[in-house]
Amino acid sequence: MATQNLQSYELMVIFTPVLADEDYKGAQKKFSDFIKENGGEITHQDAWGLRSLAYPIAKKTTGLYWVMEYKAPSEVNAKLEIQMNRDENIMRHMITRLDKYAAEYNVRRRNKLSETANA
C-alpha cells in the first residue's frame, strides 16, 4: 500500500464494567486490529482498567477504560465510529486528533514515566 498521509489520533473508550477480563482484552484487540487492517498503525495502548465515572452512565458508576494512540488515514475514523457505535459493550468513546506537539508530548511523558518506574 502506498504511504498515505497518516494523522495522529488518540482513542479513549469506556467499556461496560461487567466485561470479563478476556472479553476486555478481546475488545481492545478487535479495535486495534481494525485500525491496522485499514492502513493505520498503533503507537501506544494503555488499559487503565476499572475506574469510577464522574457521573453514572446507564446506571453504572464504574467503567473499564482503555486509551490507544494510533496513526491512520482520516477516513478510518468514520468506519471506526460505526464499529464502536454498534458495540454494546462500549458506554462512551472519544477520538481526538493529536497535532505533532501533543504526539511528541505523549511520547516524552511515557518515557519519563518509564524512567521513574525503572529507577
N, C-alpha and C. Protein backbone atom coordinates (compact mmCIF):
# COMPACT_ATOMS: atom_id res chain seq x y z
N MET A 1 0.84 -1.17 0.00
CA MET A 1 0.00 0.00 0.00
C MET A 1 0.89 1.25 0.00
N ALA A 2 0.56 2.22 -0.83
CA ALA A 2 1.33 3.45 -0.87
C ALA A 2 1.19 4.19 0.46
N THR A 3 2.26 4.85 0.86
CA THR A 3 2.20 5.55 2.14
C THR A 3 1.23 6.71 2.00
N GLN A 4 0.22 6.70 2.85
CA GLN A 4 -0.76 7.78 2.84
C GLN A 4 -0.35 8.79 3.89
N ASN A 5 -1.01 9.93 3.86
CA ASN A 5 -0.75 10.93 4.87
C ASN A 5 -1.46 10.50 6.15
N LEU A 6 -0.70 9.98 7.11
CA LEU A 6 -1.29 9.48 8.34
C LEU A 6 -1.36 10.59 9.38
N GLN A 7 -2.50 10.70 10.02
CA GLN A 7 -2.70 11.65 11.11
C GLN A 7 -2.57 10.90 12.44
N SER A 8 -2.19 11.62 13.49
CA SER A 8 -2.11 11.02 14.82
C SER A 8 -3.43 11.24 15.56
N TYR A 9 -3.88 10.17 16.23
CA TYR A 9 -5.14 10.24 16.97
C TYR A 9 -4.97 9.54 18.31
N GLU A 10 -5.87 9.91 19.22
CA GLU A 10 -5.96 9.20 20.49
C GLU A 10 -7.41 8.77 20.64
N LEU A 11 -7.60 7.52 20.99
CA LEU A 11 -8.94 6.97 21.19
C LEU A 11 -9.08 6.61 22.66
N MET A 12 -10.12 7.11 23.30
CA MET A 12 -10.42 6.68 24.66
C MET A 12 -11.78 6.00 24.64
N VAL A 13 -11.83 4.81 25.23
CA VAL A 13 -13.06 4.04 25.25
C VAL A 13 -13.36 3.67 26.70
N ILE A 14 -14.65 3.76 27.06
CA ILE A 14 -15.09 3.26 28.36
C ILE A 14 -16.00 2.07 28.06
N PHE A 15 -15.52 0.89 28.43
CA PHE A 15 -16.30 -0.33 28.25
C PHE A 15 -17.16 -0.56 29.49
N THR A 16 -18.22 -1.30 29.33
CA THR A 16 -19.07 -1.65 30.46
C THR A 16 -18.26 -2.43 31.50
N PRO A 17 -18.48 -2.18 32.79
CA PRO A 17 -17.67 -2.82 33.82
C PRO A 17 -17.94 -4.31 34.02
N VAL A 18 -18.98 -4.85 33.38
CA VAL A 18 -19.33 -6.26 33.58
C VAL A 18 -18.56 -7.20 32.64
N LEU A 19 -17.67 -6.65 31.81
CA LEU A 19 -16.89 -7.49 30.90
C LEU A 19 -15.92 -8.37 31.67
N ALA A 20 -15.82 -9.61 31.28
CA ALA A 20 -14.80 -10.49 31.83
C ALA A 20 -13.45 -10.05 31.27
N ASP A 21 -12.37 -10.40 31.96
CA ASP A 21 -11.03 -9.95 31.57
C ASP A 21 -10.70 -10.31 30.13
N GLU A 22 -11.01 -11.55 29.70
CA GLU A 22 -10.66 -11.94 28.33
C GLU A 22 -11.52 -11.19 27.31
N ASP A 23 -12.76 -10.83 27.68
CA ASP A 23 -13.61 -10.05 26.78
C ASP A 23 -13.08 -8.62 26.65
N TYR A 24 -12.59 -8.07 27.75
CA TYR A 24 -12.00 -6.73 27.77
C TYR A 24 -10.77 -6.69 26.85
N LYS A 25 -9.91 -7.71 26.98
CA LYS A 25 -8.71 -7.80 26.12
C LYS A 25 -9.11 -8.04 24.66
N GLY A 26 -10.11 -8.88 24.46
CA GLY A 26 -10.59 -9.18 23.11
C GLY A 26 -11.15 -7.94 22.42
N ALA A 27 -11.87 -7.11 23.18
CA ALA A 27 -12.44 -5.88 22.61
C ALA A 27 -11.31 -4.92 22.22
N GLN A 28 -10.28 -4.82 23.05
CA GLN A 28 -9.14 -3.97 22.73
C GLN A 28 -8.47 -4.44 21.44
N LYS A 29 -8.27 -5.77 21.34
CA LYS A 29 -7.62 -6.34 20.16
C LYS A 29 -8.47 -6.09 18.91
N LYS A 30 -9.78 -6.21 19.06
CA LYS A 30 -10.69 -6.02 17.93
C LYS A 30 -10.51 -4.63 17.31
N PHE A 31 -10.43 -3.59 18.15
CA PHE A 31 -10.33 -2.23 17.61
C PHE A 31 -8.91 -1.90 17.15
N SER A 32 -7.89 -2.44 17.82
CA SER A 32 -6.53 -2.19 17.34
C SER A 32 -6.31 -2.93 16.01
N ASP A 33 -6.84 -4.14 15.88
CA ASP A 33 -6.75 -4.87 14.60
C ASP A 33 -7.49 -4.13 13.50
N PHE A 34 -8.65 -3.55 13.84
CA PHE A 34 -9.44 -2.81 12.86
C PHE A 34 -8.62 -1.67 12.27
N ILE A 35 -7.90 -0.95 13.12
CA ILE A 35 -7.08 0.17 12.65
C ILE A 35 -5.95 -0.33 11.75
N LYS A 36 -5.29 -1.43 12.17
CA LYS A 36 -4.20 -1.98 11.35
C LYS A 36 -4.72 -2.45 9.99
N GLU A 37 -5.89 -3.11 9.98
CA GLU A 37 -6.46 -3.62 8.72
C GLU A 37 -6.84 -2.49 7.77
N ASN A 38 -7.07 -1.30 8.31
CA ASN A 38 -7.49 -0.17 7.49
C ASN A 38 -6.35 0.81 7.23
N GLY A 39 -5.11 0.32 7.29
CA GLY A 39 -3.96 1.12 6.90
C GLY A 39 -3.37 1.98 7.99
N GLY A 40 -3.76 1.74 9.25
CA GLY A 40 -3.22 2.53 10.34
C GLY A 40 -2.15 1.77 11.10
N GLU A 41 -1.53 2.45 12.05
CA GLU A 41 -0.53 1.80 12.90
C GLU A 41 -0.74 2.26 14.34
N ILE A 42 -0.59 1.32 15.26
CA ILE A 42 -0.78 1.61 16.69
C ILE A 42 0.55 2.12 17.24
N THR A 43 0.51 3.28 17.92
CA THR A 43 1.75 3.80 18.50
C THR A 43 1.83 3.49 20.00
N HIS A 44 0.67 3.39 20.66
CA HIS A 44 0.70 3.08 22.10
C HIS A 44 -0.70 2.66 22.54
N GLN A 45 -0.74 1.71 23.48
CA GLN A 45 -2.01 1.29 24.08
C GLN A 45 -1.84 1.26 25.59
N ASP A 46 -2.89 1.60 26.30
CA ASP A 46 -2.83 1.58 27.76
C ASP A 46 -4.20 1.21 28.30
N ALA A 47 -4.30 0.04 28.90
CA ALA A 47 -5.54 -0.38 29.54
C ALA A 47 -5.51 0.13 30.98
N TRP A 48 -6.35 1.11 31.27
CA TRP A 48 -6.38 1.68 32.61
C TRP A 48 -7.16 0.81 33.58
N GLY A 49 -8.01 -0.06 33.05
CA GLY A 49 -8.79 -0.93 33.92
C GLY A 49 -10.01 -0.23 34.51
N LEU A 50 -10.49 -0.76 35.62
CA LEU A 50 -11.73 -0.29 36.23
C LEU A 50 -11.51 1.04 36.94
N ARG A 51 -12.29 2.04 36.57
CA ARG A 51 -12.22 3.38 37.18
C ARG A 51 -13.64 3.86 37.49
N SER A 52 -13.73 4.73 38.47
CA SER A 52 -15.02 5.36 38.77
C SER A 52 -15.34 6.39 37.70
N LEU A 53 -16.62 6.51 37.40
CA LEU A 53 -17.07 7.50 36.43
C LEU A 53 -17.41 8.80 37.15
N ALA A 54 -17.29 9.91 36.47
CA ALA A 54 -17.64 11.20 37.05
C ALA A 54 -19.15 11.30 37.30
N TYR A 55 -19.91 10.64 36.46
CA TYR A 55 -21.37 10.60 36.61
C TYR A 55 -21.85 9.25 36.08
N PRO A 56 -22.98 8.73 36.59
CA PRO A 56 -23.45 7.42 36.13
C PRO A 56 -23.81 7.42 34.65
N ILE A 57 -23.47 6.33 33.99
CA ILE A 57 -23.85 6.11 32.59
C ILE A 57 -24.64 4.81 32.57
N ALA A 58 -25.87 4.87 32.12
CA ALA A 58 -26.75 3.69 32.09
C ALA A 58 -26.77 3.00 33.46
N LYS A 59 -26.88 3.79 34.51
CA LYS A 59 -26.96 3.33 35.91
C LYS A 59 -25.69 2.65 36.40
N LYS A 60 -24.59 2.80 35.66
CA LYS A 60 -23.30 2.22 36.09
C LYS A 60 -22.42 3.36 36.60
N THR A 61 -21.69 3.09 37.67
CA THR A 61 -20.84 4.13 38.26
C THR A 61 -19.36 3.86 38.01
N THR A 62 -19.03 2.73 37.37
CA THR A 62 -17.65 2.41 37.02
C THR A 62 -17.60 1.97 35.56
N GLY A 63 -16.40 1.98 35.00
CA GLY A 63 -16.22 1.54 33.63
C GLY A 63 -14.78 1.08 33.44
N LEU A 64 -14.57 0.26 32.42
CA LEU A 64 -13.23 -0.21 32.07
C LEU A 64 -12.67 0.73 31.01
N TYR A 65 -11.65 1.47 31.39
CA TYR A 65 -11.06 2.46 30.49
C TYR A 65 -9.94 1.86 29.66
N TRP A 66 -9.82 2.37 28.43
CA TRP A 66 -8.75 1.95 27.53
C TRP A 66 -8.39 3.13 26.63
N VAL A 67 -7.10 3.42 26.54
CA VAL A 67 -6.61 4.53 25.71
C VAL A 67 -5.64 3.97 24.68
N MET A 68 -5.80 4.40 23.44
CA MET A 68 -4.91 3.94 22.38
C MET A 68 -4.51 5.14 21.52
N GLU A 69 -3.22 5.25 21.24
CA GLU A 69 -2.75 6.25 20.29
C GLU A 69 -2.44 5.51 19.00
N TYR A 70 -2.80 6.14 17.88
CA TYR A 70 -2.56 5.50 16.59
C TYR A 70 -2.40 6.55 15.51
N LYS A 71 -1.84 6.10 14.40
CA LYS A 71 -1.73 6.92 13.20
C LYS A 71 -2.54 6.22 12.12
N ALA A 72 -3.36 6.99 11.43
CA ALA A 72 -4.21 6.39 10.40
C ALA A 72 -4.68 7.47 9.43
N PRO A 73 -5.08 7.03 8.22
CA PRO A 73 -5.72 7.98 7.30
C PRO A 73 -7.02 8.49 7.94
N SER A 74 -7.39 9.71 7.70
CA SER A 74 -8.53 10.30 8.39
C SER A 74 -9.86 9.58 8.13
N GLU A 75 -10.00 8.93 6.97
CA GLU A 75 -11.27 8.26 6.68
C GLU A 75 -11.50 7.01 7.54
N VAL A 76 -10.46 6.52 8.20
CA VAL A 76 -10.59 5.34 9.06
C VAL A 76 -11.49 5.65 10.26
N ASN A 77 -11.46 6.89 10.74
CA ASN A 77 -12.22 7.23 11.94
C ASN A 77 -13.73 7.07 11.77
N ALA A 78 -14.24 7.40 10.60
CA ALA A 78 -15.68 7.25 10.36
C ALA A 78 -16.07 5.78 10.45
N LYS A 79 -15.26 4.91 9.86
CA LYS A 79 -15.52 3.47 9.93
C LYS A 79 -15.41 2.96 11.36
N LEU A 80 -14.40 3.48 12.08
CA LEU A 80 -14.18 3.08 13.47
C LEU A 80 -15.36 3.51 14.34
N GLU A 81 -15.86 4.73 14.12
CA GLU A 81 -17.03 5.23 14.88
C GLU A 81 -18.23 4.28 14.70
N ILE A 82 -18.46 3.84 13.47
CA ILE A 82 -19.58 2.95 13.19
C ILE A 82 -19.42 1.65 13.98
N GLN A 83 -18.20 1.10 13.96
CA GLN A 83 -17.93 -0.14 14.69
C GLN A 83 -18.18 0.03 16.20
N MET A 84 -17.72 1.16 16.74
CA MET A 84 -17.87 1.39 18.18
C MET A 84 -19.32 1.65 18.56
N ASN A 85 -20.06 2.36 17.70
CA ASN A 85 -21.48 2.61 17.98
C ASN A 85 -22.30 1.32 17.96
N ARG A 86 -21.86 0.35 17.19
CA ARG A 86 -22.56 -0.94 17.12
C ARG A 86 -22.23 -1.86 18.29
N ASP A 87 -21.14 -1.57 19.00
CA ASP A 87 -20.66 -2.45 20.06
C ASP A 87 -21.38 -2.11 21.37
N GLU A 88 -22.21 -3.05 21.84
CA GLU A 88 -22.99 -2.77 23.05
C GLU A 88 -22.15 -2.77 24.32
N ASN A 89 -20.90 -3.22 24.25
CA ASN A 89 -20.02 -3.20 25.43
C ASN A 89 -19.39 -1.83 25.66
N ILE A 90 -19.53 -0.91 24.70
CA ILE A 90 -18.93 0.41 24.83
C ILE A 90 -19.98 1.39 25.36
N MET A 91 -19.64 2.02 26.50
CA MET A 91 -20.55 3.01 27.08
C MET A 91 -20.27 4.39 26.51
N ARG A 92 -18.99 4.75 26.32
CA ARG A 92 -18.60 6.04 25.75
C ARG A 92 -17.29 5.85 24.98
N HIS A 93 -17.10 6.69 23.97
CA HIS A 93 -15.83 6.70 23.26
C HIS A 93 -15.57 8.11 22.72
N MET A 94 -14.29 8.41 22.54
CA MET A 94 -13.92 9.72 22.03
C MET A 94 -12.62 9.58 21.24
N ILE A 95 -12.63 10.13 20.03
CA ILE A 95 -11.42 10.16 19.20
C ILE A 95 -10.94 11.60 19.17
N THR A 96 -9.68 11.80 19.49
CA THR A 96 -9.08 13.13 19.48
C THR A 96 -7.93 13.15 18.49
N ARG A 97 -7.91 14.15 17.61
CA ARG A 97 -6.80 14.29 16.69
C ARG A 97 -5.66 14.97 17.44
N LEU A 98 -4.47 14.38 17.37
CA LEU A 98 -3.30 14.93 18.04
C LEU A 98 -2.45 15.69 17.04
N ASP A 99 -2.12 16.94 17.36
CA ASP A 99 -1.16 17.63 16.50
C ASP A 99 0.23 17.11 16.85
N LYS A 100 1.24 17.53 16.10
CA LYS A 100 2.58 16.96 16.32
C LYS A 100 3.09 17.26 17.71
N TYR A 101 2.70 18.40 18.30
CA TYR A 101 3.17 18.75 19.64
C TYR A 101 2.56 17.84 20.70
N ALA A 102 1.27 17.53 20.55
CA ALA A 102 0.61 16.63 21.50
C ALA A 102 1.19 15.23 21.40
N ALA A 103 1.45 14.76 20.18
CA ALA A 103 2.03 13.43 20.00
C ALA A 103 3.43 13.36 20.62
N GLU A 104 4.23 14.42 20.41
CA GLU A 104 5.58 14.45 21.00
C GLU A 104 5.51 14.51 22.52
N TYR A 105 4.56 15.28 23.05
CA TYR A 105 4.38 15.39 24.50
C TYR A 105 4.05 14.02 25.10
N ASN A 106 3.14 13.29 24.46
CA ASN A 106 2.76 11.97 24.97
C ASN A 106 3.95 11.02 25.00
N VAL A 107 4.80 11.08 23.98
CA VAL A 107 5.99 10.23 23.94
C VAL A 107 6.94 10.60 25.08
N ARG A 108 7.18 11.91 25.24
CA ARG A 108 8.06 12.37 26.33
C ARG A 108 7.50 11.96 27.69
N ARG A 109 6.20 12.13 27.87
CA ARG A 109 5.55 11.77 29.15
C ARG A 109 5.71 10.28 29.43
N ARG A 110 5.49 9.45 28.41
CA ARG A 110 5.64 8.00 28.59
C ARG A 110 7.06 7.65 28.95
N ASN A 111 8.04 8.27 28.27
CA ASN A 111 9.45 7.98 28.55
C ASN A 111 9.82 8.38 29.97
N LYS A 112 9.31 9.52 30.41
CA LYS A 112 9.57 9.98 31.77
C LYS A 112 8.97 9.02 32.79
N LEU A 113 7.76 8.55 32.51
CA LEU A 113 7.10 7.61 33.43
C LEU A 113 7.87 6.29 33.50
N SER A 114 8.35 5.80 32.36
CA SER A 114 9.09 4.53 32.37
C SER A 114 10.45 4.69 33.07
N GLU A 115 11.05 5.89 32.95
CA GLU A 115 12.32 6.12 33.65
C GLU A 115 12.13 6.12 35.16
N THR A 116 11.05 6.74 35.64
CA THR A 116 10.81 6.78 37.08
C THR A 116 10.39 5.41 37.60
N ALA A 117 9.74 4.62 36.76
CA ALA A 117 9.36 3.28 37.17
C ALA A 117 10.59 2.37 37.29
N ASN A 118 11.58 2.60 36.43
CA ASN A 118 12.80 1.77 36.44
C ASN A 118 13.80 2.23 37.49
N ALA A 119 13.65 3.43 37.99
CA ALA A 119 14.61 3.98 38.96
C ALA A 119 14.50 3.34 40.32
